[in-house]
PDB file of N, CA and C in Angstrom:
ATOM      1  N   MET A   1     -16.283 -55.109 -81.208  1.00  0.00           N
ATOM      2  CA  MET A   1     -15.857 -55.981 -80.122  1.00  0.00           C
ATOM      3  C   MET A   1     -16.889 -55.940 -79.002  1.00  0.00           C
ATOM      4  N   ALA A   2     -17.315 -57.081 -78.557  1.00  0.00           N
ATOM      5  CA  ALA A   2     -18.319 -57.161 -77.494  1.00  0.00           C
ATOM      6  C   ALA A   2     -17.674 -56.943 -76.132  1.00  0.00           C
ATOM      7  N   LEU A   3     -18.419 -56.280 -75.265  1.00  0.00           N
ATOM      8  CA  LEU A   3     -17.952 -56.083 -73.896  1.00  0.00           C
ATOM      9  C   LEU A   3     -18.204 -57.349 -73.091  1.00  0.00           C
ATOM     10  N   ILE A   4     -17.323 -57.652 -72.160  1.00  0.00           N
ATOM     11  CA  ILE A   4     -17.547 -58.778 -71.264  1.00  0.00           C
ATOM     12  C   ILE A   4     -17.984 -58.237 -69.915  1.00  0.00           C
ATOM     13  N   GLU A   5     -18.586 -59.109 -69.079  1.00  0.00           N
ATOM     14  CA  GLU A   5     -19.282 -58.654 -67.878  1.00  0.00           C
ATOM     15  C   GLU A   5     -18.462 -57.761 -66.961  1.00  0.00           C
ATOM     16  N   HIS A   6     -17.181 -58.035 -66.749  1.00  0.00           N
ATOM     17  CA  HIS A   6     -16.412 -57.195 -65.829  1.00  0.00           C
ATOM     18  C   HIS A   6     -16.088 -55.830 -66.435  1.00  0.00           C
ATOM     19  N   GLU A   7     -16.267 -55.687 -67.746  1.00  0.00           N
ATOM     20  CA  GLU A   7     -16.093 -54.381 -68.381  1.00  0.00           C
ATOM     21  C   GLU A   7     -17.391 -53.575 -68.367  1.00  0.00           C
ATOM     22  N   ILE A   8     -18.519 -54.241 -68.198  1.00  0.00           N
ATOM     23  CA  ILE A   8     -19.822 -53.573 -68.216  1.00  0.00           C
ATOM     24  C   ILE A   8     -20.160 -53.008 -66.833  1.00  0.00           C
ATOM     25  N   LEU A   9     -20.080 -53.844 -65.808  1.00  0.00           N
ATOM     26  CA  LEU A   9     -20.423 -53.437 -64.444  1.00  0.00           C
ATOM     27  C   LEU A   9     -19.162 -52.915 -63.772  1.00  0.00           C
ATOM     28  N   LEU A  10     -19.046 -51.590 -63.645  1.00  0.00           N
ATOM     29  CA  LEU A  10     -17.815 -51.015 -63.117  1.00  0.00           C
ATOM     30  C   LEU A  10     -17.751 -51.093 -61.597  1.00  0.00           C
ATOM     31  N   HIS A  11     -18.769 -50.557 -60.909  1.00  0.00           N
ATOM     32  CA  HIS A  11     -18.812 -50.640 -59.449  1.00  0.00           C
ATOM     33  C   HIS A  11     -20.181 -50.205 -58.944  1.00  0.00           C
ATOM     34  N   PRO A  12     -20.543 -50.645 -57.716  1.00  0.00           N
ATOM     35  CA  PRO A  12     -21.823 -50.194 -57.155  1.00  0.00           C
ATOM     36  C   PRO A  12     -21.753 -48.707 -56.830  1.00  0.00           C
ATOM     37  N   TYR A  13     -22.889 -48.045 -56.910  1.00  0.00           N
ATOM     38  CA  TYR A  13     -22.996 -46.635 -56.563  1.00  0.00           C
ATOM     39  C   TYR A  13     -23.778 -46.578 -55.262  1.00  0.00           C
ATOM     40  N   VAL A  14     -23.109 -46.161 -54.175  1.00  0.00           N
ATOM     41  CA  VAL A  14     -23.713 -46.228 -52.851  1.00  0.00           C
ATOM     42  C   VAL A  14     -23.843 -44.831 -52.251  1.00  0.00           C
ATOM     43  N   THR A  15     -25.086 -44.444 -51.986  1.00  0.00           N
ATOM     44  CA  THR A  15     -25.410 -43.212 -51.269  1.00  0.00           C
ATOM     45  C   THR A  15     -26.565 -43.544 -50.331  1.00  0.00           C
ATOM     46  N   GLU A  16     -26.971 -42.588 -49.509  1.00  0.00           N
ATOM     47  CA  GLU A  16     -28.135 -42.829 -48.651  1.00  0.00           C
ATOM     48  C   GLU A  16     -29.364 -43.131 -49.494  1.00  0.00           C
ATOM     49  N   LYS A  17     -29.514 -42.418 -50.601  1.00  0.00           N
ATOM     50  CA  LYS A  17     -30.674 -42.625 -51.473  1.00  0.00           C
ATOM     51  C   LYS A  17     -30.658 -44.024 -52.090  1.00  0.00           C
ATOM     52  N   THR A  18     -29.504 -44.486 -52.545  1.00  0.00           N
ATOM     53  CA  THR A  18     -29.453 -45.816 -53.159  1.00  0.00           C
ATOM     54  C   THR A  18     -29.640 -46.921 -52.118  1.00  0.00           C
ATOM     55  N   LEU A  19     -29.203 -46.687 -50.881  1.00  0.00           N
ATOM     56  CA  LEU A  19     -29.456 -47.665 -49.824  1.00  0.00           C
ATOM     57  C   LEU A  19     -30.946 -47.762 -49.529  1.00  0.00           C
ATOM     58  N   THR A  20     -31.650 -46.627 -49.571  1.00  0.00           N
ATOM     59  CA  THR A  20     -33.098 -46.621 -49.380  1.00  0.00           C
ATOM     60  C   THR A  20     -33.780 -47.379 -50.518  1.00  0.00           C
ATOM     61  N   LEU A  21     -33.317 -47.169 -51.755  1.00  0.00           N
ATOM     62  CA  LEU A  21     -33.859 -47.918 -52.902  1.00  0.00           C
ATOM     63  C   LEU A  21     -33.677 -49.418 -52.712  1.00  0.00           C
ATOM     64  N   MET A  22     -32.522 -49.802 -52.193  1.00  0.00           N
ATOM     65  CA  MET A  22     -32.226 -51.208 -51.991  1.00  0.00           C
ATOM     66  C   MET A  22     -33.207 -51.811 -50.979  1.00  0.00           C
ATOM     67  N   GLU A  23     -33.451 -51.109 -49.895  1.00  0.00           N
ATOM     68  CA  GLU A  23     -34.306 -51.641 -48.833  1.00  0.00           C
ATOM     69  C   GLU A  23     -35.793 -51.572 -49.171  1.00  0.00           C
ATOM     70  N   SER A  24     -36.232 -50.471 -49.777  1.00  0.00           N
ATOM     71  CA  SER A  24     -37.667 -50.283 -49.978  1.00  0.00           C
ATOM     72  C   SER A  24     -38.181 -50.761 -51.339  1.00  0.00           C
ATOM     73  N   GLU A  25     -37.329 -50.730 -52.385  1.00  0.00           N
ATOM     74  CA  GLU A  25     -37.804 -51.063 -53.726  1.00  0.00           C
ATOM     75  C   GLU A  25     -37.076 -52.244 -54.368  1.00  0.00           C
ATOM     76  N   ASN A  26     -36.193 -52.900 -53.606  1.00  0.00           N
ATOM     77  CA  ASN A  26     -35.466 -54.079 -54.096  1.00  0.00           C
ATOM     78  C   ASN A  26     -34.635 -53.759 -55.346  1.00  0.00           C
ATOM     79  N   LYS A  27     -33.889 -52.634 -55.287  1.00  0.00           N
ATOM     80  CA  LYS A  27     -33.072 -52.187 -56.416  1.00  0.00           C
ATOM     81  C   LYS A  27     -31.650 -51.899 -55.964  1.00  0.00           C
ATOM     82  N   LEU A  28     -30.695 -52.111 -56.869  1.00  0.00           N
ATOM     83  CA  LEU A  28     -29.301 -51.715 -56.674  1.00  0.00           C
ATOM     84  C   LEU A  28     -28.917 -50.765 -57.798  1.00  0.00           C
ATOM     85  N   VAL A  29     -27.979 -49.873 -57.516  1.00  0.00           N
ATOM     86  CA  VAL A  29     -27.505 -48.938 -58.526  1.00  0.00           C
ATOM     87  C   VAL A  29     -26.022 -49.207 -58.776  1.00  0.00           C
ATOM     88  N   PHE A  30     -25.662 -49.342 -60.046  1.00  0.00           N
ATOM     89  CA  PHE A  30     -24.274 -49.574 -60.451  1.00  0.00           C
ATOM     90  C   PHE A  30     -23.853 -48.518 -61.459  1.00  0.00           C
ATOM     91  N   VAL A  31     -22.583 -48.144 -61.421  1.00  0.00           N
ATOM     92  CA  VAL A  31     -21.995 -47.352 -62.489  1.00  0.00           C
ATOM     93  C   VAL A  31     -21.563 -48.369 -63.539  1.00  0.00           C
ATOM     94  N   VAL A  32     -21.956 -48.111 -64.781  1.00  0.00           N
ATOM     95  CA  VAL A  32     -21.707 -49.069 -65.856  1.00  0.00           C
ATOM     96  C   VAL A  32     -20.990 -48.397 -67.018  1.00  0.00           C
ATOM     97  N   GLU A  33     -20.481 -49.212 -67.918  1.00  0.00           N
ATOM     98  CA  GLU A  33     -19.834 -48.727 -69.131  1.00  0.00           C
ATOM     99  C   GLU A  33     -20.826 -47.886 -69.935  1.00  0.00           C
ATOM    100  N   LYS A  34     -20.381 -46.743 -70.424  1.00  0.00           N
ATOM    101  CA  LYS A  34     -21.269 -45.806 -71.125  1.00  0.00           C
ATOM    102  C   LYS A  34     -21.954 -46.405 -72.347  1.00  0.00           C
ATOM    103  N   SER A  35     -21.301 -47.312 -73.041  1.00  0.00           N
ATOM    104  CA  SER A  35     -21.870 -47.870 -74.273  1.00  0.00           C
ATOM    105  C   SER A  35     -22.759 -49.085 -74.034  1.00  0.00           C
ATOM    106  N   ALA A  36     -22.889 -49.550 -72.785  1.00  0.00           N
ATOM    107  CA  ALA A  36     -23.661 -50.762 -72.496  1.00  0.00           C
ATOM    108  C   ALA A  36     -25.162 -50.509 -72.618  1.00  0.00           C
ATOM    109  N   SER A  37     -25.860 -51.447 -73.240  1.00  0.00           N
ATOM    110  CA  SER A  37     -27.318 -51.363 -73.362  1.00  0.00           C
ATOM    111  C   SER A  37     -27.971 -51.977 -72.122  1.00  0.00           C
ATOM    112  N   LYS A  38     -29.261 -51.720 -71.967  1.00  0.00           N
ATOM    113  CA  LYS A  38     -29.998 -52.285 -70.830  1.00  0.00           C
ATOM    114  C   LYS A  38     -29.950 -53.808 -70.847  1.00  0.00           C
ATOM    115  N   GLU A  39     -30.126 -54.394 -72.015  1.00  0.00           N
ATOM    116  CA  GLU A  39     -30.108 -55.856 -72.138  1.00  0.00           C
ATOM    117  C   GLU A  39     -28.727 -56.420 -71.790  1.00  0.00           C
ATOM    118  N   THR A  40     -27.670 -55.756 -72.224  1.00  0.00           N
ATOM    119  CA  THR A  40     -26.309 -56.194 -71.914  1.00  0.00           C
ATOM    120  C   THR A  40     -26.039 -56.094 -70.420  1.00  0.00           C
ATOM    121  N   ILE A  41     -26.492 -55.022 -69.802  1.00  0.00           N
ATOM    122  CA  ILE A  41     -26.325 -54.832 -68.351  1.00  0.00           C
ATOM    123  C   ILE A  41     -27.063 -55.934 -67.607  1.00  0.00           C
ATOM    124  N   LYS A  42     -28.296 -56.208 -68.018  1.00  0.00           N
ATOM    125  CA  LYS A  42     -29.103 -57.259 -67.376  1.00  0.00           C
ATOM    126  C   LYS A  42     -28.396 -58.603 -67.450  1.00  0.00           C
ATOM    127  N   ARG A  43     -27.938 -58.973 -68.644  1.00  0.00           N
ATOM    128  CA  ARG A  43     -27.262 -60.257 -68.831  1.00  0.00           C
ATOM    129  C   ARG A  43     -25.999 -60.362 -67.986  1.00  0.00           C
ATOM    130  N   ALA A  44     -25.192 -59.298 -67.987  1.00  0.00           N
ATOM    131  CA  ALA A  44     -23.940 -59.304 -67.223  1.00  0.00           C
ATOM    132  C   ALA A  44     -24.212 -59.423 -65.725  1.00  0.00           C
ATOM    133  N   PHE A  45     -25.227 -58.706 -65.236  1.00  0.00           N
ATOM    134  CA  PHE A  45     -25.550 -58.741 -63.809  1.00  0.00           C
ATOM    135  C   PHE A  45     -26.053 -60.121 -63.397  1.00  0.00           C
ATOM    136  N   GLU A  46     -26.929 -60.704 -64.218  1.00  0.00           N
ATOM    137  CA  GLU A  46     -27.450 -62.042 -63.908  1.00  0.00           C
ATOM    138  C   GLU A  46     -26.336 -63.081 -63.899  1.00  0.00           C
ATOM    139  N   GLN A  47     -25.397 -62.987 -64.827  1.00  0.00           N
ATOM    140  CA  GLN A  47     -24.296 -63.942 -64.877  1.00  0.00           C
ATOM    141  C   GLN A  47     -23.358 -63.775 -63.691  1.00  0.00           C
ATOM    142  N   ARG A  48     -23.012 -62.533 -63.374  1.00  0.00           N
ATOM    143  CA  ARG A  48     -22.038 -62.295 -62.314  1.00  0.00           C
ATOM    144  C   ARG A  48     -22.576 -62.657 -60.932  1.00  0.00           C
ATOM    145  N   TYR A  49     -23.835 -62.312 -60.654  1.00  0.00           N
ATOM    146  CA  TYR A  49     -24.367 -62.481 -59.299  1.00  0.00           C
ATOM    147  C   TYR A  49     -25.374 -63.618 -59.163  1.00  0.00           C
ATOM    148  N   ASP A  50     -25.614 -64.375 -60.222  1.00  0.00           N
ATOM    149  CA  ASP A  50     -26.499 -65.539 -60.196  1.00  0.00           C
ATOM    150  C   ASP A  50     -27.874 -65.193 -59.628  1.00  0.00           C
ATOM    151  N   VAL A  51     -28.484 -64.146 -60.181  1.00  0.00           N
ATOM    152  CA  VAL A  51     -29.821 -63.706 -59.796  1.00  0.00           C
ATOM    153  C   VAL A  51     -30.635 -63.448 -61.058  1.00  0.00           C
ATOM    154  N   LYS A  52     -31.929 -63.209 -60.886  1.00  0.00           N
ATOM    155  CA  LYS A  52     -32.794 -62.815 -61.995  1.00  0.00           C
ATOM    156  C   LYS A  52     -33.131 -61.334 -61.839  1.00  0.00           C
ATOM    157  N   VAL A  53     -33.053 -60.610 -62.932  1.00  0.00           N
ATOM    158  CA  VAL A  53     -33.319 -59.181 -62.950  1.00  0.00           C
ATOM    159  C   VAL A  53     -34.660 -58.947 -63.637  1.00  0.00           C
ATOM    160  N   ALA A  54     -35.532 -58.156 -62.995  1.00  0.00           N
ATOM    161  CA  ALA A  54     -36.838 -57.846 -63.565  1.00  0.00           C
ATOM    162  C   ALA A  54     -36.748 -56.690 -64.557  1.00  0.00           C
ATOM    163  N   ASP A  55     -35.935 -55.679 -64.232  1.00  0.00           N
ATOM    164  CA  ASP A  55     -35.887 -54.485 -65.073  1.00  0.00           C
ATOM    165  C   ASP A  55     -34.579 -53.737 -64.851  1.00  0.00           C
ATOM    166  N   VAL A  56     -34.150 -53.031 -65.892  1.00  0.00           N
ATOM    167  CA  VAL A  56     -32.973 -52.168 -65.806  1.00  0.00           C
ATOM    168  C   VAL A  56     -33.356 -50.798 -66.355  1.00  0.00           C
ATOM    169  N   ALA A  57     -33.104 -49.770 -65.568  1.00  0.00           N
ATOM    170  CA  ALA A  57     -33.277 -48.395 -66.032  1.00  0.00           C
ATOM    171  C   ALA A  57     -31.890 -47.753 -66.016  1.00  0.00           C
ATOM    172  N   THR A  58     -31.647 -46.835 -66.943  1.00  0.00           N
ATOM    173  CA  THR A  58     -30.343 -46.180 -66.969  1.00  0.00           C
ATOM    174  C   THR A  58     -30.514 -44.671 -66.984  1.00  0.00           C
ATOM    175  N   LYS A  59     -29.482 -43.998 -66.488  1.00  0.00           N
ATOM    176  CA  LYS A  59     -29.441 -42.538 -66.576  1.00  0.00           C
ATOM    177  C   LYS A  59     -27.986 -42.107 -66.618  1.00  0.00           C
ATOM    178  N   ARG A  60     -27.753 -41.027 -67.315  1.00  0.00           N
ATOM    179  CA  ARG A  60     -26.390 -40.487 -67.416  1.00  0.00           C
ATOM    180  C   ARG A  60     -26.202 -39.412 -66.361  1.00  0.00           C
ATOM    181  N   GLN A  61     -25.104 -39.510 -65.633  1.00  0.00           N
ATOM    182  CA  GLN A  61     -24.747 -38.558 -64.593  1.00  0.00           C
ATOM    183  C   GLN A  61     -23.370 -37.989 -64.927  1.00  0.00           C
ATOM    184  N   LYS A  62     -22.931 -37.009 -64.151  1.00  0.00           N
ATOM    185  CA  LYS A  62     -21.596 -36.430 -64.355  1.00  0.00           C
ATOM    186  C   LYS A  62     -20.500 -37.478 -64.197  1.00  0.00           C
ATOM    187  N   ASP A  63     -20.708 -38.412 -63.256  1.00  0.00           N
ATOM    188  CA  ASP A  63     -19.681 -39.423 -62.980  1.00  0.00           C
ATOM    189  C   ASP A  63     -19.834 -40.689 -63.821  1.00  0.00           C
ATOM    190  N   GLY A  64     -20.706 -40.687 -64.813  1.00  0.00           N
ATOM    191  CA  GLY A  64     -20.853 -41.844 -65.691  1.00  0.00           C
ATOM    192  C   GLY A  64     -22.294 -42.286 -65.827  1.00  0.00           C
ATOM    193  N   LYS A  65     -22.474 -43.423 -66.466  1.00  0.00           N
ATOM    194  CA  LYS A  65     -23.807 -43.980 -66.682  1.00  0.00           C
ATOM    195  C   LYS A  65     -24.183 -44.854 -65.491  1.00  0.00           C
ATOM    196  N   HIS A  66     -25.381 -44.641 -64.946  1.00  0.00           N
ATOM    197  CA  HIS A  66     -25.867 -45.407 -63.807  1.00  0.00           C
ATOM    198  C   HIS A  66     -26.964 -46.357 -64.276  1.00  0.00           C
ATOM    199  N   ALA A  67     -26.927 -47.579 -63.782  1.00  0.00           N
ATOM    200  CA  ALA A  67     -27.969 -48.565 -64.058  1.00  0.00           C
ATOM    201  C   ALA A  67     -28.697 -48.863 -62.765  1.00  0.00           C
ATOM    202  N   ILE A  68     -30.012 -48.682 -62.768  1.00  0.00           N
ATOM    203  CA  ILE A  68     -30.843 -49.018 -61.619  1.00  0.00           C
ATOM    204  C   ILE A  68     -31.420 -50.394 -61.911  1.00  0.00           C
ATOM    205  N   ILE A  69     -31.001 -51.374 -61.119  1.00  0.00           N
ATOM    206  CA  ILE A  69     -31.319 -52.778 -61.382  1.00  0.00           C
ATOM    207  C   ILE A  69     -32.377 -53.248 -60.399  1.00  0.00           C
ATOM    208  N   LYS A  70     -33.549 -53.619 -60.915  1.00  0.00           N
ATOM    209  CA  LYS A  70     -34.644 -54.128 -60.089  1.00  0.00           C
ATOM    210  C   LYS A  70     -34.635 -55.646 -60.158  1.00  0.00           C
ATOM    211  N   PHE A  71     -34.658 -56.265 -58.986  1.00  0.00           N
ATOM    212  CA  PHE A  71     -34.594 -57.719 -58.898  1.00  0.00           C
ATOM    213  C   PHE A  71     -35.954 -58.356 -59.128  1.00  0.00           C
ATOM    214  N   ALA A  72     -35.941 -59.557 -59.702  1.00  0.00           N
ATOM    215  CA  ALA A  72     -37.154 -60.328 -59.936  1.00  0.00           C
ATOM    216  C   ALA A  72     -37.675 -60.877 -58.613  1.00  0.00           C
ATOM    217  N   GLU A  73     -38.928 -61.275 -58.635  1.00  0.00           N
ATOM    218  CA  GLU A  73     -39.579 -61.894 -57.475  1.00  0.00           C
ATOM    219  C   GLU A  73     -38.723 -63.056 -56.960  1.00  0.00           C
ATOM    220  N   GLY A  74     -38.510 -63.095 -55.660  1.00  0.00           N
ATOM    221  CA  GLY A  74     -37.727 -64.173 -55.061  1.00  0.00           C
ATOM    222  C   GLY A  74     -36.247 -63.861 -54.882  1.00  0.00           C
ATOM    223  N   TYR A  75     -35.798 -62.732 -55.384  1.00  0.00           N
ATOM    224  CA  TYR A  75     -34.400 -62.310 -55.230  1.00  0.00           C
ATOM    225  C   TYR A  75     -34.374 -60.980 -54.489  1.00  0.00           C
ATOM    226  N   ARG A  76     -33.393 -60.824 -53.604  1.00  0.00           N
ATOM    227  CA  ARG A  76     -33.340 -59.625 -52.775  1.00  0.00           C
ATOM    228  C   ARG A  76     -32.070 -58.828 -53.027  1.00  0.00           C
ATOM    229  N   ALA A  77     -32.235 -57.528 -53.179  1.00  0.00           N
ATOM    230  CA  ALA A  77     -31.105 -56.625 -53.384  1.00  0.00           C
ATOM    231  C   ALA A  77     -30.174 -56.646 -52.170  1.00  0.00           C
ATOM    232  N   GLU A  78     -30.749 -56.780 -50.964  1.00  0.00           N
ATOM    233  CA  GLU A  78     -29.920 -56.804 -49.754  1.00  0.00           C
ATOM    234  C   GLU A  78     -28.956 -57.989 -49.756  1.00  0.00           C
ATOM    235  N   ASP A  79     -29.409 -59.139 -50.269  1.00  0.00           N
ATOM    236  CA  ASP A  79     -28.542 -60.319 -50.313  1.00  0.00           C
ATOM    237  C   ASP A  79     -27.327 -60.066 -51.208  1.00  0.00           C
ATOM    238  N   VAL A  80     -27.562 -59.499 -52.376  1.00  0.00           N
ATOM    239  CA  VAL A  80     -26.449 -59.189 -53.283  1.00  0.00           C
ATOM    240  C   VAL A  80     -25.577 -58.085 -52.680  1.00  0.00           C
ATOM    241  N   GLY A  81     -26.212 -57.092 -52.069  1.00  0.00           N
ATOM    242  CA  GLY A  81     -25.480 -56.018 -51.415  1.00  0.00           C
ATOM    243  C   GLY A  81     -24.524 -56.535 -50.349  1.00  0.00           C
ATOM    244  N   MET A  82     -24.967 -57.502 -49.583  1.00  0.00           N
ATOM    245  CA  MET A  82     -24.090 -58.070 -48.554  1.00  0.00           C
ATOM    246  C   MET A  82     -22.944 -58.851 -49.191  1.00  0.00           C
ATOM    247  N   ARG A  83     -23.222 -59.579 -50.274  1.00  0.00           N
ATOM    248  CA  ARG A  83     -22.168 -60.347 -50.954  1.00  0.00           C
ATOM    249  C   ARG A  83     -21.081 -59.460 -51.534  1.00  0.00           C
ATOM    250  N   ILE A  84     -21.453 -58.285 -52.017  1.00  0.00           N
ATOM    251  CA  ILE A  84     -20.460 -57.406 -52.637  1.00  0.00           C
ATOM    252  C   ILE A  84     -19.903 -56.366 -51.690  1.00  0.00           C
ATOM    253  N   GLY A  85     -20.357 -56.397 -50.418  1.00  0.00           N
ATOM    254  CA  GLY A  85     -19.761 -55.544 -49.390  1.00  0.00           C
ATOM    255  C   GLY A  85     -20.309 -54.133 -49.297  1.00  0.00           C
ATOM    256  N   ILE A  86     -21.553 -53.923 -49.708  1.00  0.00           N
ATOM    257  CA  ILE A  86     -22.146 -52.600 -49.567  1.00  0.00           C
ATOM    258  C   ILE A  86     -22.357 -52.256 -48.098  1.00  0.00           C
ATOM    259  N   PHE A  87     -22.735 -53.262 -47.305  1.00  0.00           N
ATOM    260  CA  PHE A  87     -22.824 -53.074 -45.864  1.00  0.00           C
ATOM    261  C   PHE A  87     -22.450 -54.311 -45.127  1.00  0.00           C
TER     262      PHE A  87
END
């Protein structure tokens, strides 16, 4: 059974470090479904937020799988952050 976008992207992961990533490197960090692949995460994020993603990196943490999403040229992490209520 394929995962759908709201099952893949669980919630944003917000700390001082991730806010710095957003401002300085144009990246957002999300907690995602453990079984989701980088390509699936990219597709779900682009569909949900109507942006282009340049790259997705993942890492496993105690609280779940984290996806570090880098935005493509012309798209800003701060804009998406404001839309989803990070600040």
